[in-house]
Amino acid sequence: MSDEQARAVYAQAGLGASVTLGSRPAVLVIDFSCGFTDPDCALGSDLTPQVEATRRVLDAARDRGLPAVFTTIGFDASLKDGGLWLQKVPTLGDLQLGGRWVEIDERLGRRDDETVIVKKGASGFFGTNLASVLVSQGVDTVILCGATTSGCVRATAIDLLQYGWPTLVPRECVGDRAQAPHDANLFDIQAKYADVVSVDEAIAYLESVASIVEAKGVER
C-alpha cells in the first residue's frame, strides 16, 4: 500500500484530527542522552540535526520561562533493575548509571533547574514521577522531542494522550536508527496520538503563549 493509499484509509477511518493546545506548555526531551546521540555507543546514531533542532525549541521555551524536562535511561551495574527489556535488547546494559552514555547530550545546554528523570522502560511515564513533575508545574501541553521515534518517543506519545496532555511532535526534533521505522511511527503518531508539526510551527506556538518570565516580572 502506498503512502497516499494509507492516508486515504486513515482519513476514511476518521484518524488524524488535531488536538486543542493549552497555554502552559513544556518541552519534554526523551532520551537525547549520549548513548543515543553518539554513534560510538552500540545504541547510538548521529542525531546531530535532531539535537540542533531540539536546542532551538528548548531555547524558545527558555526565553519565555517555560519548563523543560529530560529523560534518560540508566541501570544499576548489576542490571537487575532492567527486567525483561535487557533480554530483548542486551545493549541497553551499556547505559549504566554514572557513565557517559546516560548523560544528557551537552549540545542541548541543559540548565541546573531543568529536571532529568531516569527511567528503566520505554515510556517516560513508566515507573517514574513524570506526571507529577508536569502537574506540579501547571503544564497543559507538551512539545515532545527525542529518540527513538519508533521506541521511547512513540511510547511516551501514547501515554501523554492517555494522561490527557495535548502534544506536538516537531518532526525535525525526533530521530531513529533507520528511516523506515522513523517514518512509519511518525505517520502513526500523527494519526492516533499527537500532532506532528514542523519545528518552526512548534516554536511559533511557544512564542504565542504568555511568557511566564514576564508574568512574574522577572528580568531575562
Protein backbone atom coordinates (compact mmCIF):
# COMPACT_ATOMS: atom_id res chain seq x y z
CA MET A 1 0.00 0.00 0.00
CA SER A 2 1.39 3.41 -0.98
CA ASP A 3 1.60 6.35 1.42
CA GLU A 4 -1.26 8.05 -0.38
CA GLN A 5 -3.43 4.93 -0.12
CA ALA A 6 -2.59 4.63 3.58
CA ARG A 7 -3.54 8.27 4.16
CA ALA A 8 -6.84 7.69 2.37
CA VAL A 9 -7.58 4.62 4.51
CA TYR A 10 -6.75 6.51 7.71
CA ALA A 11 -8.81 9.51 6.66
CA GLN A 12 -11.75 7.23 5.89
CA ALA A 13 -11.47 5.89 9.44
CA GLY A 14 -11.55 9.42 10.86
CA LEU A 15 -7.97 9.36 12.16
CA GLY A 16 -5.61 12.31 12.44
CA ALA A 17 -7.71 15.13 13.87
CA SER A 18 -5.84 17.93 15.65
CA VAL A 19 -5.61 18.32 19.41
CA THR A 20 -6.54 21.54 21.23
CA LEU A 21 -3.45 23.17 22.69
CA GLY A 22 -3.27 24.92 26.04
CA SER A 23 -1.33 27.96 27.23
CA ARG A 24 1.20 26.39 29.64
CA PRO A 25 3.47 24.19 27.53
CA ALA A 26 6.61 22.33 28.47
CA VAL A 27 9.31 20.78 26.32
CA LEU A 28 9.85 17.09 27.04
CA VAL A 29 13.07 15.64 25.63
CA ILE A 30 13.14 11.85 25.60
CA ASP A 31 16.50 10.10 25.80
CA PHE A 32 18.73 12.51 23.95
CA SER A 33 21.48 11.09 26.11
CA CYS A 34 24.96 10.45 24.74
CA GLY A 35 24.13 6.76 24.47
CA PHE A 36 21.61 7.55 21.75
CA THR A 37 23.21 10.58 20.08
CA ASP A 38 26.82 9.33 19.89
CA PRO A 39 27.45 6.68 17.20
CA ASP A 40 30.29 5.28 19.32
CA CYS A 41 27.67 3.70 21.57
CA ALA A 42 26.12 0.50 20.25
CA LEU A 43 22.68 2.04 20.72
CA GLY A 44 23.63 5.38 19.22
CA SER A 45 23.43 7.08 15.85
CA ASP A 46 24.29 10.50 14.51
CA LEU A 47 21.31 12.61 15.52
CA THR A 48 23.07 15.96 15.16
CA PRO A 49 20.29 17.63 13.09
CA GLN A 50 17.64 16.47 15.56
CA VAL A 51 19.66 17.62 18.56
CA GLU A 52 20.25 21.02 16.98
CA ALA A 53 16.57 21.42 16.12
CA THR A 54 15.62 20.45 19.67
CA ARG A 55 18.04 23.04 21.04
CA ARG A 56 16.11 25.67 19.04
CA VAL A 57 12.86 24.53 20.67
CA LEU A 58 14.43 24.47 24.13
CA ASP A 59 15.85 27.96 23.76
CA ALA A 60 12.48 29.30 22.60
CA ALA A 61 10.89 27.80 25.72
CA ARG A 62 13.67 29.09 27.97
CA ASP A 63 13.24 32.60 26.61
CA ARG A 64 9.68 32.54 27.89
CA GLY A 65 10.44 30.85 31.20
CA LEU A 66 8.66 27.65 30.20
CA PRO A 67 9.66 24.29 31.70
CA ALA A 68 11.94 21.75 30.08
CA VAL A 69 12.14 18.15 31.27
CA PHE A 70 14.59 15.48 30.13
CA THR A 71 14.56 11.70 30.43
CA THR A 72 17.44 9.27 30.23
CA ILE A 73 17.69 5.52 30.55
CA GLY A 74 20.05 4.25 33.25
CA PHE A 75 20.56 0.94 35.05
CA ASP A 76 22.47 -0.20 38.09
CA ALA A 77 25.75 -2.03 37.44
CA SER A 78 24.06 -5.31 38.36
CA LEU A 79 21.48 -4.73 35.60
CA LYS A 80 18.92 -6.42 37.80
CA ASP A 81 16.70 -3.34 37.50
CA GLY A 82 16.44 -3.81 33.73
CA GLY A 83 13.88 -6.58 33.76
CA LEU A 84 12.84 -8.30 30.55
CA TRP A 85 13.85 -5.33 28.37
CA LEU A 86 17.52 -6.27 28.77
CA GLN A 87 16.79 -9.74 27.44
CA LYS A 88 15.19 -8.24 24.35
CA VAL A 89 17.83 -5.51 23.90
CA PRO A 90 21.04 -6.61 25.66
CA THR A 91 22.96 -3.50 24.56
CA LEU A 92 20.78 -1.44 26.90
CA GLY A 93 23.16 -2.78 29.55
CA ASP A 94 25.68 -0.23 28.30
CA LEU A 95 23.52 2.50 29.83
CA GLN A 96 24.81 2.26 33.38
CA LEU A 97 24.23 4.96 35.97
CA GLY A 98 27.28 7.17 36.41
CA GLY A 99 28.55 6.51 32.89
CA ARG A 100 28.77 8.91 29.97
CA TRP A 101 26.10 7.16 27.93
CA VAL A 102 23.45 8.16 30.50
CA GLU A 103 24.39 11.85 30.43
CA ILE A 104 22.19 14.31 28.54
CA ASP A 105 23.85 15.46 25.32
CA GLU A 106 25.69 18.65 26.26
CA ARG A 107 24.67 20.32 22.99
CA LEU A 108 21.17 20.74 24.43
CA GLY A 109 22.51 23.11 27.09
CA ARG A 110 20.55 21.60 29.93
CA ARG A 111 20.27 24.00 32.87
CA ASP A 112 20.57 23.11 36.54
CA ASP A 113 16.87 23.81 37.16
CA GLU A 114 15.70 21.54 34.33
CA THR A 115 14.61 18.15 35.64
CA VAL A 116 16.21 14.91 34.46
CA ILE A 117 14.14 11.77 35.04
CA VAL A 118 15.89 8.41 34.99
CA LYS A 119 13.71 5.69 33.51
CA LYS A 120 14.05 1.97 33.00
CA GLY A 121 11.31 1.44 30.44
CA ALA A 122 10.23 2.84 27.10
CA SER A 123 7.65 5.44 28.12
CA GLY A 124 8.81 8.45 30.09
CA PHE A 125 5.91 7.72 32.45
CA PHE A 126 6.56 4.05 33.21
CA GLY A 127 7.77 3.75 36.80
CA THR A 128 8.66 7.45 37.07
CA ASN A 129 7.22 10.64 38.59
CA LEU A 130 6.99 12.43 35.24
CA ALA A 131 3.24 13.02 35.58
CA SER A 132 3.76 14.66 38.97
CA VAL A 133 6.55 16.84 37.60
CA LEU A 134 4.32 18.11 34.79
CA VAL A 135 1.27 18.62 37.02
CA SER A 136 3.24 20.48 39.69
CA GLN A 137 4.42 23.00 37.09
CA GLY A 138 0.94 23.55 35.69
CA VAL A 139 1.78 22.08 32.30
CA ASP A 140 -1.20 21.66 29.98
CA THR A 141 0.56 20.95 26.68
CA VAL A 142 3.76 19.13 25.75
CA ILE A 143 6.28 19.59 22.95
CA LEU A 144 7.79 16.11 22.55
CA CYS A 145 11.31 15.66 21.20
CA GLY A 146 13.91 12.91 21.39
CA ALA A 147 14.77 9.34 20.46
CA THR A 148 13.87 6.92 19.25
CA THR A 149 10.79 7.70 17.21
CA SER A 150 9.76 4.06 17.00
CA GLY A 151 10.51 3.28 20.63
CA CYS A 152 10.55 5.64 23.58
CA VAL A 153 9.11 8.66 21.74
CA ARG A 154 6.15 6.67 20.49
CA ALA A 155 5.58 5.03 23.89
CA THR A 156 5.65 8.43 25.60
CA ALA A 157 3.34 9.98 22.99
CA ILE A 158 0.78 7.26 23.70
CA ASP A 159 0.93 7.88 27.44
CA LEU A 160 0.74 11.66 27.01
CA LEU A 161 -2.53 11.18 25.16
CA GLN A 162 -3.83 8.73 27.76
CA TYR A 163 -2.92 11.06 30.63
CA GLY A 164 -4.59 13.99 28.88
CA TRP A 165 -1.73 16.18 27.65
CA PRO A 166 -2.18 17.57 24.13
CA THR A 167 1.13 17.03 22.39
CA LEU A 168 3.07 18.44 19.46
CA VAL A 169 5.90 16.41 17.92
CA PRO A 170 8.23 18.53 15.76
CA ARG A 171 9.33 16.11 13.07
CA GLU A 172 12.83 17.58 12.88
CA CYS A 173 13.29 17.00 16.63
CA VAL A 174 12.84 13.23 16.75
CA GLY A 175 15.09 10.57 15.31
CA ASP A 176 15.70 6.87 14.91
CA ARG A 177 18.43 4.49 13.75
CA ALA A 178 16.73 3.82 10.42
CA GLN A 179 14.44 5.88 8.21
CA ALA A 180 11.67 3.32 7.65
CA PRO A 181 10.65 2.87 11.32
CA HIS A 182 11.03 6.61 11.87
CA ASP A 183 8.66 7.46 9.01
CA ALA A 184 6.15 4.75 9.87
CA ASN A 185 5.92 5.75 13.50
CA LEU A 186 5.63 9.48 12.77
CA PHE A 187 2.75 8.58 10.46
CA ASP A 188 1.08 6.59 13.23
CA ILE A 189 1.74 9.17 15.95
CA GLN A 190 0.08 11.82 13.79
CA ALA A 191 -2.87 9.56 13.11
CA LYS A 192 -3.58 8.46 16.67
CA TYR A 193 -1.68 10.20 19.45
CA ALA A 194 -0.29 13.70 18.78
CA ASP A 195 0.07 16.42 16.16
CA VAL A 196 3.24 16.07 14.09
CA VAL A 197 4.35 19.55 13.03
CA SER A 198 7.44 21.36 11.78
CA VAL A 199 9.99 22.74 14.21
CA ASP A 200 9.05 26.25 13.06
CA GLU A 201 5.39 25.61 13.89
CA ALA A 202 6.34 24.34 17.34
CA ILE A 203 8.47 27.41 18.03
CA ALA A 204 5.73 29.72 16.75
CA TYR A 205 3.33 28.09 19.22
CA LEU A 206 5.80 28.56 22.08
CA GLU A 207 6.25 32.20 21.12
CA SER A 208 2.48 32.71 21.04
CA VAL A 209 1.88 31.84 24.70
CA ALA A 210 2.22 34.29 27.55
CA SER A 211 5.71 34.44 28.93
CA ILE A 212 5.92 33.09 32.48
CA VAL A 213 9.04 35.20 32.97
CA GLU A 214 7.22 38.40 32.03
CA ALA A 215 4.15 37.42 34.02
CA LYS A 216 6.29 37.14 37.12
CA GLY A 217 8.04 40.41 36.41
CA VAL A 218 11.45 38.75 36.27
CA GLU A 219 14.17 40.23 34.10
CA ARG A 220 15.56 37.93 31.45
